[in-house]
Amino acid sequence: MTSPVPPRLPRRSGERFPPARRASPGGAPSGPPIETEYRPRHPLDLRRVLLFQRRGAGDPTHLDAGHVLWRACRTPEGVATVALRQAAGGAVRGAAWGPGADWAISQLPALCGRDDDLEGFDASLHPLVAETHRRNPGLRLGRTDLVFDALAGAIIEQKVTGKQAFAAWRRIVRGFGERAPGPTPVPMHAPPSVDGWRHVPSWAWHRAGLEPPQARTLVAAAQRGTRIERATHAAPTGDERDRVLTSLPGVGVWTAAETRIRAFGDPDAVSVGDYHVAHEVGFALTGARTDDDGMLELLAPWTGHRQRVIRLIGLSGVHEQRRGPRVHPEDHRDR
């Protein structure tokens, strides 16, 4: 992988994290952690910002363990486990283990939303947005800088229910990822490498509940994974990143937007084609559901911050009452 490496942060002493211990058989060996402290210059709701990256409550790459949030990732320098704790004054204390620990510690501020710029955002354009923004000053849009992880997860979520997608992600990551280093409270796993995604066998996709088109799309993307990562990091705008991502067979605007949101914390990305987003935006802003075109028209006054508005709408508590039966996922694994 050739993603740009963020500048190093000075290591700081502070609250200690759990001591390193030898991993259980099959896991990565642990060594002393690298520790740091990040002091954001703005309010920060660490739990909300970090857990947005989680794919379902059972995601083996994320763990909410009370006062400590754990994250396992595959960095350009190797697998890393990060433990984060927010102090009463707002500072974030972080510790990292594994060969990618230096990279993960350096990237921690971006993960916490340091690069999220509210310039040009006018919450007062709608009372619901204004009130939700006032009540959630710690909402930041964090970025992982790990493009292929975000892309793989988005491809898995194409055209299936969230329950199906999260179950498939868990099965593939646990089966073909790498055990996370460090003293994690429960076994955790980093996602497969780009090459690892390419070599997931067909039977594993089937057992995970994924359809052949999704599997083919992910494998084809992995064949160009390193070039895609390099090109998206080099692209100066969201539109240009979209062009890079949608050049992949089977990757459309929804998948590209979902990738931009997680990997780059893109404040303007809109997941056009989502089953729920347009309805939720329409109902929250007008009291009636709308389609994708209507959603884009409603969000136009916030161009540059449309994803931020969508996130605020999600936090507002205003949701349209479900009027139809729940969608029950089809299980094709026994066919």
C-alpha atoms as a PDB file:
ATOM      1  CA  MET A   1       0.000   0.000   0.000  1.00  0.00           C
ATOM      2  CA  THR A   2       1.278   3.448  -0.804  1.00  0.00           C
ATOM      3  CA  SER A   3      -1.134   5.765   1.004  1.00  0.00           C
ATOM      4  CA  PRO A   4       0.511   8.932   2.302  1.00  0.00           C
ATOM      5  CA  VAL A   5       1.719   8.583   5.885  1.00  0.00           C
ATOM      6  CA  PRO A   6       0.563  11.399   8.196  1.00  0.00           C
ATOM      7  CA  PRO A   7       3.277  13.396   9.990  1.00  0.00           C
ATOM      8  CA  ARG A   8       4.491  11.924  13.263  1.00  0.00           C
ATOM      9  CA  LEU A   9       3.053  13.188  16.516  1.00  0.00           C
ATOM     10  CA  PRO A  10       5.184  13.651  19.607  1.00  0.00           C
ATOM     11  CA  ARG A  11       4.716  10.829  22.056  1.00  0.00           C
ATOM     12  CA  ARG A  12       3.339  12.010  25.356  1.00  0.00           C
ATOM     13  CA  SER A  13       3.164  10.385  28.730  1.00  0.00           C
ATOM     14  CA  GLY A  14      -0.172  10.177  30.470  1.00  0.00           C
ATOM     15  CA  GLU A  15      -2.744   7.710  31.688  1.00  0.00           C
ATOM     16  CA  ARG A  16      -1.555   4.189  31.282  1.00  0.00           C
ATOM     17  CA  PHE A  17      -3.327   1.617  29.185  1.00  0.00           C
ATOM     18  CA  PRO A  18      -3.558  -2.107  29.859  1.00  0.00           C
ATOM     19  CA  PRO A  19      -0.118  -3.712  29.918  1.00  0.00           C
ATOM     20  CA  ALA A  20       0.922  -5.706  26.878  1.00  0.00           C
ATOM     21  CA  ARG A  21       0.583  -9.449  27.157  1.00  0.00           C
ATOM     22  CA  ARG A  22       1.256 -12.412  24.924  1.00  0.00           C
ATOM     23  CA  ALA A  23      -1.561 -13.045  22.494  1.00  0.00           C
ATOM     24  CA  SER A  24      -3.433 -16.321  22.567  1.00  0.00           C
ATOM     25  CA  PRO A  25      -2.409 -19.001  20.027  1.00  0.00           C
ATOM     26  CA  GLY A  26      -2.957 -17.814  16.486  1.00  0.00           C
ATOM     27  CA  GLY A  27      -2.877 -14.150  17.434  1.00  0.00           C
ATOM     28  CA  ALA A  28      -0.234 -11.509  16.814  1.00  0.00           C
ATOM     29  CA  PRO A  29       2.428 -11.188  19.545  1.00  0.00           C
ATOM     30  CA  SER A  30       2.200  -8.095  21.723  1.00  0.00           C
ATOM     31  CA  GLY A  31       4.934  -5.635  22.634  1.00  0.00           C
ATOM     32  CA  PRO A  32       5.024  -2.392  24.607  1.00  0.00           C
ATOM     33  CA  PRO A  33       2.472   0.138  23.331  1.00  0.00           C
ATOM     34  CA  ILE A  34       3.203   3.499  21.804  1.00  0.00           C
ATOM     35  CA  GLU A  35       1.224   6.166  23.650  1.00  0.00           C
ATOM     36  CA  THR A  36       0.138   9.693  22.829  1.00  0.00           C
ATOM     37  CA  GLU A  37      -2.322  12.369  23.867  1.00  0.00           C
ATOM     38  CA  TYR A  38      -4.370  14.392  21.393  1.00  0.00           C
ATOM     39  CA  ARG A  39      -5.919  17.656  22.587  1.00  0.00           C
ATOM     40  CA  PRO A  40      -8.585  18.744  20.091  1.00  0.00           C
ATOM     41  CA  ARG A  41      -9.172  22.468  19.626  1.00  0.00           C
ATOM     42  CA  HIS A  42     -12.908  21.891  19.397  1.00  0.00           C
ATOM     43  CA  PRO A  43     -15.559  19.872  21.267  1.00  0.00           C
ATOM     44  CA  LEU A  44     -15.269  16.188  20.453  1.00  0.00           C
ATOM     45  CA  ASP A  45     -17.654  13.303  21.057  1.00  0.00           C
ATOM     46  CA  LEU A  46     -15.070  10.541  20.658  1.00  0.00           C
ATOM     47  CA  ARG A  47     -17.517   7.671  20.991  1.00  0.00           C
ATOM     48  CA  ARG A  48     -19.848   8.981  18.280  1.00  0.00           C
ATOM     49  CA  VAL A  49     -16.993   9.857  15.918  1.00  0.00           C
ATOM     50  CA  LEU A  50     -15.085   6.587  16.246  1.00  0.00           C
ATOM     51  CA  LEU A  51     -18.019   4.176  16.370  1.00  0.00           C
ATOM     52  CA  PHE A  52     -19.381   5.620  13.138  1.00  0.00           C
ATOM     53  CA  GLN A  53     -16.619   3.527  11.521  1.00  0.00           C
ATOM     54  CA  ARG A  54     -17.964   0.326  13.084  1.00  0.00           C
ATOM     55  CA  ARG A  55     -19.939  -2.049  10.856  1.00  0.00           C
ATOM     56  CA  GLY A  56     -22.526  -3.376  13.246  1.00  0.00           C
ATOM     57  CA  ALA A  57     -22.308  -4.129  16.956  1.00  0.00           C
ATOM     58  CA  GLY A  58     -20.331  -7.350  16.390  1.00  0.00           C
ATOM     59  CA  ASP A  59     -17.683  -5.841  14.102  1.00  0.00           C
ATOM     60  CA  PRO A  60     -14.406  -7.631  14.960  1.00  0.00           C
ATOM     61  CA  THR A  61     -12.425  -4.487  14.049  1.00  0.00           C
ATOM     62  CA  HIS A  62     -14.099  -2.304  16.718  1.00  0.00           C
ATOM     63  CA  LEU A  63     -14.948  -2.809  20.373  1.00  0.00           C
ATOM     64  CA  ASP A  64     -16.762  -0.540  22.794  1.00  0.00           C
ATOM     65  CA  ALA A  65     -15.382  -1.575  26.185  1.00  0.00           C
ATOM     66  CA  GLY A  66     -16.843   1.109  28.400  1.00  0.00           C
ATOM     67  CA  HIS A  67     -14.296   3.847  28.948  1.00  0.00           C
ATOM     68  CA  VAL A  68     -11.924   2.467  26.298  1.00  0.00           C
ATOM     69  CA  LEU A  69     -12.688   2.175  22.597  1.00  0.00           C
ATOM     70  CA  TRP A  70     -10.638  -0.346  20.618  1.00  0.00           C
ATOM     71  CA  ARG A  71      -9.922  -0.377  16.901  1.00  0.00           C
ATOM     72  CA  ALA A  72      -7.981  -2.898  14.795  1.00  0.00           C
ATOM     73  CA  CYS A  73      -6.789  -1.778  11.367  1.00  0.00           C
ATOM     74  CA  ARG A  74      -4.363  -2.650   8.618  1.00  0.00           C
ATOM     75  CA  THR A  75      -2.109   0.348   8.040  1.00  0.00           C
ATOM     76  CA  PRO A  76       0.436   0.886   5.243  1.00  0.00           C
ATOM     77  CA  GLU A  77       3.051  -0.271   7.767  1.00  0.00           C
ATOM     78  CA  GLY A  78       1.215  -3.345   9.037  1.00  0.00           C
ATOM     79  CA  VAL A  79      -1.555  -4.355  11.402  1.00  0.00           C
ATOM     80  CA  ALA A  80      -2.216  -2.178  14.435  1.00  0.00           C
ATOM     81  CA  THR A  81      -4.535  -2.112  17.407  1.00  0.00           C
ATOM     82  CA  VAL A  82      -5.483   1.256  18.908  1.00  0.00           C
ATOM     83  CA  ALA A  83      -7.075   1.875  22.309  1.00  0.00           C
ATOM     84  CA  LEU A  84      -8.626   5.303  22.892  1.00  0.00           C
ATOM     85  CA  ARG A  85      -9.897   6.919  26.061  1.00  0.00           C
ATOM     86  CA  GLN A  86     -11.287  10.435  26.424  1.00  0.00           C
ATOM     87  CA  ALA A  87     -10.359  12.324  29.581  1.00  0.00           C
ATOM     88  CA  ALA A  88     -12.724  14.643  31.424  1.00  0.00           C
ATOM     89  CA  GLY A  89     -11.111  17.720  29.871  1.00  0.00           C
ATOM     90  CA  GLY A  90     -11.649  16.425  26.334  1.00  0.00           C
ATOM     91  CA  ALA A  91      -8.123  15.163  25.618  1.00  0.00           C
ATOM     92  CA  VAL A  92      -7.906  11.795  23.873  1.00  0.00           C
ATOM     93  CA  ARG A  93      -5.328   9.392  25.217  1.00  0.00           C
ATOM     94  CA  GLY A  94      -4.277   6.739  22.758  1.00  0.00           C
ATOM     95  CA  ALA A  95      -2.137   3.619  22.817  1.00  0.00           C
ATOM     96  CA  ALA A  96      -1.211   1.427  19.869  1.00  0.00           C
ATOM     97  CA  TRP A  97       0.343  -1.995  19.407  1.00  0.00           C
ATOM     98  CA  GLY A  98       1.704  -3.864  16.414  1.00  0.00           C
ATOM     99  CA  PRO A  99       3.883  -3.138  13.386  1.00  0.00           C
ATOM    100  CA  GLY A 100       1.517  -0.360  12.268  1.00  0.00           C
ATOM    101  CA  ALA A 101       1.417   1.332  15.675  1.00  0.00           C
ATOM    102  CA  ASP A 102       3.492   4.376  14.640  1.00  0.00           C
ATOM    103  CA  TRP A 103       1.243   5.029  11.645  1.00  0.00           C
ATOM    104  CA  ALA A 104      -1.929   4.551  13.673  1.00  0.00           C
ATOM    105  CA  ILE A 105      -0.768   6.950  16.391  1.00  0.00           C
ATOM    106  CA  SER A 106       0.203   9.559  13.787  1.00  0.00           C
ATOM    107  CA  GLN A 107      -3.186   9.205  12.105  1.00  0.00           C
ATOM    108  CA  LEU A 108      -5.179   9.401  15.343  1.00  0.00           C
ATOM    109  CA  PRO A 109      -6.025  13.149  15.148  1.00  0.00           C
ATOM    110  CA  ALA A 110      -7.490  12.725  11.653  1.00  0.00           C
ATOM    111  CA  LEU A 111      -9.478   9.723  12.873  1.00  0.00           C
ATOM    112  CA  CYS A 112     -10.904  11.977  15.590  1.00  0.00           C
ATOM    113  CA  GLY A 113     -11.914  14.678  13.088  1.00  0.00           C
ATOM    114  CA  ARG A 114      -9.039  17.137  13.331  1.00  0.00           C
ATOM    115  CA  ASP A 115      -9.277  17.873   9.585  1.00  0.00           C
ATOM    116  CA  ASP A 116     -13.047  18.430   9.633  1.00  0.00           C
ATOM    117  CA  ASP A 117     -13.570  22.090   8.695  1.00  0.00           C
ATOM    118  CA  LEU A 118     -16.936  23.730   9.400  1.00  0.00           C
ATOM    119  CA  GLU A 119     -16.126  26.832   7.351  1.00  0.00           C
ATOM    120  CA  GLY A 120     -19.097  27.711   5.147  1.00  0.00           C
ATOM    121  CA  PHE A 121     -21.560  25.572   7.099  1.00  0.00           C
ATOM    122  CA  ASP A 122     -24.731  27.475   8.014  1.00  0.00           C
ATOM    123  CA  ALA A 123     -26.876  25.416  10.359  1.00  0.00           C
ATOM    124  CA  SER A 124     -29.422  28.241  10.648  1.00  0.00           C
ATOM    125  CA  LEU A 125     -30.865  27.453   7.197  1.00  0.00           C
ATOM    126  CA  HIS A 126     -33.287  25.003   8.835  1.00  0.00           C
ATOM    127  CA  PRO A 127     -34.463  24.975  12.482  1.00  0.00           C
ATOM    128  CA  LEU A 128     -34.064  21.206  12.863  1.00  0.00           C
ATOM    129  CA  VAL A 129     -30.488  21.309  11.588  1.00  0.00           C
ATOM    130  CA  ALA A 130     -29.708  24.326  13.762  1.00  0.00           C
ATOM    131  CA  GLU A 131     -31.083  22.736  16.938  1.00  0.00           C
ATOM    132  CA  THR A 132     -29.397  19.383  16.341  1.00  0.00           C
ATOM    133  CA  HIS A 133     -26.097  21.107  15.598  1.00  0.00           C
ATOM    134  CA  ARG A 134     -26.425  23.083  18.833  1.00  0.00           C
ATOM    135  CA  ARG A 135     -27.106  19.910  20.837  1.00  0.00           C
ATOM    136  CA  ASN A 136     -24.211  17.986  19.264  1.00  0.00           C
ATOM    137  CA  PRO A 137     -21.175  20.277  19.240  1.00  0.00           C
ATOM    138  CA  GLY A 138     -18.849  17.258  19.436  1.00  0.00           C
ATOM    139  CA  LEU A 139     -19.912  15.763  16.114  1.00  0.00           C
ATOM    140  CA  ARG A 140     -16.875  15.624  13.842  1.00  0.00           C
ATOM    141  CA  LEU A 141     -16.337  13.775  10.566  1.00  0.00           C
ATOM    142  CA  GLY A 142     -13.299  11.576  11.086  1.00  0.00           C
ATOM    143  CA  ARG A 143     -11.227   9.891   8.387  1.00  0.00           C
ATOM    144  CA  THR A 144      -9.352   6.583   8.390  1.00  0.00           C
ATOM    145  CA  ASP A 145      -7.176   7.222   5.290  1.00  0.00           C
ATOM    146  CA  LEU A 146      -7.574   3.479   4.578  1.00  0.00           C
ATOM    147  CA  VAL A 147      -9.337   3.503   1.237  1.00  0.00           C
ATOM    148  CA  PHE A 148      -9.561  -0.184   0.474  1.00  0.00           C
ATOM    149  CA  ASP A 149     -11.008  -1.122   3.851  1.00  0.00           C
ATOM    150  CA  ALA A 150     -13.756   1.464   3.311  1.00  0.00           C
ATOM    151  CA  LEU A 151     -14.324   0.320  -0.268  1.00  0.00           C
ATOM    152  CA  ALA A 152     -14.502  -3.363   0.674  1.00  0.00           C
ATOM    153  CA  GLY A 153     -17.048  -2.691   3.382  1.00  0.00           C
ATOM    154  CA  ALA A 154     -19.157  -0.562   1.041  1.00  0.00           C
ATOM    155  CA  ILE A 155     -19.149  -3.254  -1.654  1.00  0.00           C
ATOM    156  CA  ILE A 156     -20.296  -5.827   0.902  1.00  0.00           C
ATOM    157  CA  GLU A 157     -23.192  -3.520   1.807  1.00  0.00           C
ATOM    158  CA  GLN A 158     -24.411  -3.167  -1.783  1.00  0.00           C
ATOM    159  CA  LYS A 159     -28.080  -4.088  -2.287  1.00  0.00           C
ATOM    160  CA  VAL A 160     -28.486  -6.060   0.951  1.00  0.00           C
ATOM    161  CA  THR A 161     -29.881  -5.310   4.389  1.00  0.00           C
ATOM    162  CA  GLY A 162     -27.573  -3.977   7.059  1.00  0.00           C
ATOM    163  CA  LYS A 163     -27.993  -7.220   9.017  1.00  0.00           C
ATOM    164  CA  GLN A 164     -26.800  -9.262   6.039  1.00  0.00           C
ATOM    165  CA  ALA A 165     -23.874  -6.964   5.321  1.00  0.00           C
ATOM    166  CA  PHE A 166     -22.644  -6.812   8.911  1.00  0.00           C
ATOM    167  CA  ALA A 167     -22.810 -10.607   9.236  1.00  0.00           C
ATOM    168  CA  ALA A 168     -20.839 -11.048   6.002  1.00  0.00           C
ATOM    169  CA  TRP A 169     -18.207  -8.519   7.115  1.00  0.00           C
ATOM    170  CA  ARG A 170     -17.787 -10.345  10.435  1.00  0.00           C
ATOM    171  CA  ARG A 171     -17.408 -13.744   8.794  1.00  0.00           C
ATOM    172  CA  ILE A 172     -14.884 -12.641   6.166  1.00  0.00           C
ATOM    173  CA  VAL A 173     -12.790 -10.486   8.515  1.00  0.00           C
ATOM    174  CA  ARG A 174     -12.617 -13.183  11.182  1.00  0.00           C
ATOM    175  CA  GLY A 175     -11.889 -15.898   8.658  1.00  0.00           C
ATOM    176  CA  PHE A 176      -9.373 -14.118   6.429  1.00  0.00           C
ATOM    177  CA  GLY A 177      -8.195 -11.088   8.368  1.00  0.00           C
ATOM    178  CA  GLU A 178      -5.375 -11.016  10.905  1.00  0.00           C
ATOM    179  CA  ARG A 179      -5.569 -11.287  14.671  1.00  0.00           C
ATOM    180  CA  ALA A 180      -5.069  -7.894  16.243  1.00  0.00           C
ATOM    181  CA  PRO A 181      -2.009  -7.405  18.452  1.00  0.00           C
ATOM    182  CA  GLY A 182      -2.158  -6.026  21.962  1.00  0.00           C
ATOM    183  CA  PRO A 183      -4.157  -6.769  25.114  1.00  0.00           C
ATOM    184  CA  THR A 184      -7.617  -6.555  23.560  1.00  0.00           C
ATOM    185  CA  PRO A 185     -10.404  -7.563  25.976  1.00  0.00           C
ATOM    186  CA  VAL A 186     -11.699 -10.072  23.409  1.00  0.00           C
ATOM    187  CA  PRO A 187     -10.070 -11.378  20.215  1.00  0.00           C
ATOM    188  CA  MET A 188     -10.188  -8.744  17.490  1.00  0.00           C
ATOM    189  CA  HIS A 189      -9.186  -8.874  13.830  1.00  0.00           C
ATOM    190  CA  ALA A 190      -7.870  -6.434  11.251  1.00  0.00           C
ATOM    191  CA  PRO A 191      -9.370  -6.731   7.756  1.00  0.00           C
ATOM    192  CA  PRO A 192      -7.573  -8.766   5.086  1.00  0.00           C
ATOM    193  CA  SER A 193      -4.846  -7.135   3.054  1.00  0.00           C
ATOM    194  CA  VAL A 194      -5.664  -6.048  -0.480  1.00  0.00           C
ATOM    195  CA  ASP A 195      -4.119  -9.282  -1.725  1.00  0.00           C
ATOM    196  CA  GLY A 196      -5.982 -11.186   0.957  1.00  0.00           C
ATOM    197  CA  TRP A 197      -9.341  -9.906  -0.287  1.00  0.00           C
ATOM    198  CA  ARG A 198      -8.394 -11.064  -3.775  1.00  0.00           C
ATOM    199  CA  HIS A 199      -7.764 -14.622  -2.562  1.00  0.00           C
ATOM    200  CA  VAL A 200     -10.895 -15.170  -0.485  1.00  0.00           C
ATOM    201  CA  PRO A 201     -12.265 -18.435  -1.969  1.00  0.00           C
ATOM    202  CA  SER A 202     -15.652 -18.554  -3.636  1.00  0.00           C
ATOM    203  CA  TRP A 203     -17.116 -20.878  -0.997  1.00  0.00           C
ATOM    204  CA  ALA A 204     -16.295 -18.310   1.705  1.00  0.00           C
ATOM    205  CA  TRP A 205     -18.238 -15.574  -0.063  1.00  0.00           C
ATOM    206  CA  HIS A 206     -21.168 -17.965  -0.396  1.00  0.00           C
ATOM    207  CA  ARG A 207     -21.096 -18.972   3.272  1.00  0.00           C
ATOM    208  CA  ALA A 208     -20.902 -15.318   4.244  1.00  0.00           C
ATOM    209  CA  GLY A 209     -24.183 -14.764   2.426  1.00  0.00           C
ATOM    210  CA  LEU A 210     -22.841 -12.576  -0.380  1.00  0.00           C
ATOM    211  CA  GLU A 211     -24.113 -12.806  -3.926  1.00  0.00           C
ATOM    212  CA  PRO A 212     -21.670 -13.555  -6.782  1.00  0.00           C
ATOM    213  CA  PRO A 213     -21.868  -9.973  -8.183  1.00  0.00           C
ATOM    214  CA  GLN A 214     -20.629  -8.521  -4.882  1.00  0.00           C
ATOM    215  CA  ALA A 215     -17.825 -11.068  -4.644  1.00  0.00           C
ATOM    216  CA  ARG A 216     -16.740 -10.430  -8.241  1.00  0.00           C
ATOM    217  CA  THR A 217     -16.792  -6.665  -7.676  1.00  0.00           C
ATOM    218  CA  LEU A 218     -14.636  -6.924  -4.557  1.00  0.00           C
ATOM    219  CA  VAL A 219     -12.135  -9.308  -6.123  1.00  0.00           C
ATOM    220  CA  ALA A 220     -11.861  -7.113  -9.236  1.00  0.00           C
ATOM    221  CA  ALA A 221     -11.335  -4.050  -7.044  1.00  0.00           C
ATOM    222  CA  ALA A 222      -8.593  -5.846  -5.104  1.00  0.00           C
ATOM    223  CA  GLN A 223      -6.744  -6.545  -8.342  1.00  0.00           C
ATOM    224  CA  ARG A 224      -6.360  -2.767  -8.733  1.00  0.00           C
ATOM    225  CA  GLY A 225      -6.364  -1.988  -5.026  1.00  0.00           C
ATOM    226  CA  THR A 226      -2.991  -0.304  -4.661  1.00  0.00           C
ATOM    227  CA  ARG A 227      -3.537   1.877  -7.739  1.00  0.00           C
ATOM    228  CA  ILE A 228      -6.995   2.854  -6.507  1.00  0.00           C
ATOM    229  CA  GLU A 229      -5.602   3.859  -3.125  1.00  0.00           C
ATOM    230  CA  ARG A 230      -2.852   5.921  -4.723  1.00  0.00           C
ATOM    231  CA  ALA A 231      -5.210   7.621  -7.152  1.00  0.00           C
ATOM    232  CA  THR A 232      -7.881   8.488  -4.593  1.00  0.00           C
ATOM    233  CA  HIS A 233      -5.345   9.987  -2.212  1.00  0.00           C
ATOM    234  CA  ALA A 234      -3.931  12.053  -5.068  1.00  0.00           C
ATOM    235  CA  ALA A 235      -7.361  13.273  -6.256  1.00  0.00           C
ATOM    236  CA  PRO A 236      -7.967  16.839  -5.012  1.00  0.00           C
ATOM    237  CA  THR A 237     -11.783  16.784  -4.923  1.00  0.00           C
ATOM    238  CA  GLY A 238     -14.641  14.473  -4.068  1.00  0.00           C
ATOM    239  CA  ASP A 239     -15.825  14.438  -7.675  1.00  0.00           C
ATOM    240  CA  GLU A 240     -12.422  13.285  -8.865  1.00  0.00           C
ATOM    241  CA  ARG A 241     -12.335  10.589  -6.208  1.00  0.00           C
ATOM    242  CA  ASP A 242     -15.749   9.479  -7.443  1.00  0.00           C
ATOM    243  CA  ARG A 243     -14.382   9.189 -10.971  1.00  0.00           C
ATOM    244  CA  VAL A 244     -11.523   7.011  -9.736  1.00  0.00           C
ATOM    245  CA  LEU A 245     -13.760   4.743  -7.691  1.00  0.00           C
ATOM    246  CA  THR A 246     -16.569   4.397 -10.228  1.00  0.00           C
ATOM    247  CA  SER A 247     -14.044   3.361 -12.869  1.00  0.00           C
ATOM    248  CA  LEU A 248     -14.102  -0.020 -11.110  1.00  0.00           C
ATOM    249  CA  PRO A 249     -16.601  -2.557 -12.482  1.00  0.00           C
ATOM    250  CA  GLY A 250     -19.584  -2.835 -10.171  1.00  0.00           C
ATOM    251  CA  VAL A 251     -18.797   0.327  -8.200  1.00  0.00           C
ATOM    252  CA  GLY A 252     -21.399   3.057  -8.555  1.00  0.00           C
ATOM    253  CA  VAL A 253     -22.026   6.438  -6.976  1.00  0.00           C
ATOM    254  CA  TRP A 254     -23.465   4.977  -3.750  1.00  0.00           C
ATOM    255  CA  THR A 255     -20.405   2.801  -3.111  1.00  0.00           C
ATOM    256  CA  ALA A 256     -18.043   5.649  -4.004  1.00  0.00           C
ATOM    257  CA  ALA A 257     -19.803   8.028  -1.608  1.00  0.00           C
ATOM    258  CA  GLU A 258     -19.744   5.505   1.238  1.00  0.00           C
ATOM    259  CA  THR A 259     -16.018   5.022   0.663  1.00  0.00           C
ATOM    260  CA  ARG A 260     -15.348   8.767   0.668  1.00  0.00           C
ATOM    261  CA  ILE A 261     -17.328   9.243   3.878  1.00  0.00           C
ATOM    262  CA  ARG A 262     -15.317   6.709   5.878  1.00  0.00           C
ATOM    263  CA  ALA A 263     -11.872   6.949   4.309  1.00  0.00           C
ATOM    264  CA  PHE A 264     -11.738  10.731   3.869  1.00  0.00           C
ATOM    265  CA  GLY A 265     -14.390  12.116   6.219  1.00  0.00           C
ATOM    266  CA  ASP A 266     -15.868  13.869   3.187  1.00  0.00           C
ATOM    267  CA  PRO A 267     -18.360  16.463   4.521  1.00  0.00           C
ATOM    268  CA  ASP A 268     -20.183  16.732   1.182  1.00  0.00           C
ATOM    269  CA  ALA A 269     -20.560  13.086   0.100  1.00  0.00           C
ATOM    270  CA  VAL A 270     -24.162  11.986  -0.447  1.00  0.00           C
ATOM    271  CA  SER A 271     -25.065   8.313  -0.784  1.00  0.00           C
ATOM    272  CA  VAL A 272     -27.437   8.632  -3.724  1.00  0.00           C
ATOM    273  CA  GLY A 273     -29.357   5.401  -4.219  1.00  0.00           C
ATOM    274  CA  ASP A 274     -29.554   4.505  -0.543  1.00  0.00           C
ATOM    275  CA  TYR A 275     -32.741   2.726   0.506  1.00  0.00           C
ATOM    276  CA  HIS A 276     -33.429   5.067   3.443  1.00  0.00           C
ATOM    277  CA  VAL A 277     -31.431   8.309   3.219  1.00  0.00           C
ATOM    278  CA  ALA A 278     -33.630  10.258   0.773  1.00  0.00           C
ATOM    279  CA  HIS A 279     -36.777   9.351   2.722  1.00  0.00           C
ATOM    280  CA  GLU A 280     -35.215  10.412   6.018  1.00  0.00           C
ATOM    281  CA  VAL A 281     -33.895  13.698   4.635  1.00  0.00           C
ATOM    282  CA  GLY A 282     -37.226  14.551   3.027  1.00  0.00           C
ATOM    283  CA  PHE A 283     -39.244  13.738   6.129  1.00  0.00           C
ATOM    284  CA  ALA A 284     -36.911  15.626   8.479  1.00  0.00           C
ATOM    285  CA  LEU A 285     -36.733  18.784   6.379  1.00  0.00           C
ATOM    286  CA  THR A 286     -40.275  18.926   4.934  1.00  0.00           C
ATOM    287  CA  GLY A 287     -42.408  16.390   6.790  1.00  0.00           C
ATOM    288  CA  ALA A 288     -42.788  14.217   3.683  1.00  0.00           C
ATOM    289  CA  ARG A 289     -40.545  11.601   2.096  1.00  0.00           C
ATOM    290  CA  THR A 290     -38.806  12.338  -1.177  1.00  0.00           C
ATOM    291  CA  ASP A 291     -36.648  10.627  -3.799  1.00  0.00           C
ATOM    292  CA  ASP A 292     -32.967  11.115  -4.614  1.00  0.00           C
ATOM    293  CA  ASP A 293     -33.592  14.130  -6.851  1.00  0.00           C
ATOM    294  CA  GLY A 294     -35.721  15.737  -4.176  1.00  0.00           C
ATOM    295  CA  MET A 295     -33.072  15.033  -1.543  1.00  0.00           C
ATOM    296  CA  LEU A 296     -30.353  16.661  -3.622  1.00  0.00           C
ATOM    297  CA  GLU A 297     -32.551  19.717  -4.109  1.00  0.00           C
ATOM    298  CA  LEU A 298     -33.226  19.972  -0.375  1.00  0.00           C
ATOM    299  CA  LEU A 299     -29.540  19.612   0.468  1.00  0.00           C
ATOM    300  CA  ALA A 300     -28.340  22.077  -2.201  1.00  0.00           C
ATOM    301  CA  PRO A 301     -28.186  25.081   0.189  1.00  0.00           C
ATOM    302  CA  TRP A 302     -25.583  23.171   2.214  1.00  0.00           C
ATOM    303  CA  THR A 303     -23.365  22.212  -0.733  1.00  0.00           C
ATOM    304  CA  GLY A 304     -19.974  21.443   0.712  1.00  0.00           C
ATOM    305  CA  HIS A 305     -21.536  20.101   3.910  1.00  0.00           C
ATOM    306  CA  ARG A 306     -24.324  17.829   2.720  1.00  0.00           C
ATOM    307  CA  GLN A 307     -22.974  14.765   4.546  1.00  0.00           C
ATOM    308  CA  ARG A 308     -22.776  16.814   7.720  1.00  0.00           C
ATOM    309  CA  VAL A 309     -26.458  17.711   7.385  1.00  0.00           C
ATOM    310  CA  ILE A 310     -27.365  14.057   6.781  1.00  0.00           C
ATOM    311  CA  ARG A 311     -25.485  13.063   9.931  1.00  0.00           C
ATOM    312  CA  LEU A 312     -27.227  15.781  11.926  1.00  0.00           C
ATOM    313  CA  ILE A 313     -30.596  14.620  10.633  1.00  0.00           C
ATOM    314  CA  GLY A 314     -29.705  11.125  11.823  1.00  0.00           C
ATOM    315  CA  LEU A 315     -29.014  12.521  15.296  1.00  0.00           C
ATOM    316  CA  SER A 316     -32.137  14.663  15.404  1.00  0.00           C
ATOM    317  CA  GLY A 317     -34.468  11.904  16.541  1.00  0.00           C
ATOM    318  CA  VAL A 318     -36.921  12.813  13.772  1.00  0.00           C
ATOM    319  CA  HIS A 319     -37.758   9.698  11.792  1.00  0.00           C
ATOM    320  CA  GLU A 320     -40.648   8.749   9.589  1.00  0.00           C
ATOM    321  CA  GLN A 321     -42.820   6.034  11.092  1.00  0.00           C
ATOM    322  CA  ARG A 322     -42.373   2.695   9.311  1.00  0.00           C
ATOM    323  CA  ARG A 323     -45.501   1.973   7.290  1.00  0.00           C
ATOM    324  CA  GLY A 324     -44.725  -1.368   5.677  1.00  0.00           C
ATOM    325  CA  PRO A 325     -43.438  -4.781   6.733  1.00  0.00           C
ATOM    326  CA  ARG A 326     -39.762  -5.149   7.493  1.00  0.00           C
ATOM    327  CA  VAL A 327     -37.563  -6.467   4.690  1.00  0.00           C
ATOM    328  CA  HIS A 328     -36.522 -10.024   5.468  1.00  0.00           C
ATOM    329  CA  PRO A 329     -33.190 -10.983   3.920  1.00  0.00           C
ATOM    330  CA  GLU A 330     -33.079 -14.013   1.681  1.00  0.00           C
ATOM    331  CA  ASP A 331     -30.612 -16.706   2.640  1.00  0.00           C
ATOM    332  CA  HIS A 332     -29.086 -18.387  -0.412  1.00  0.00           C
ATOM    333  CA  ARG A 333     -26.324 -20.274   1.374  1.00  0.00           C
ATOM    334  CA  ASP A 334     -28.038 -23.674   1.196  1.00  0.00           C
ATOM    335  CA  ARG A 335     -28.788 -23.417  -2.518  1.00  0.00           C
END
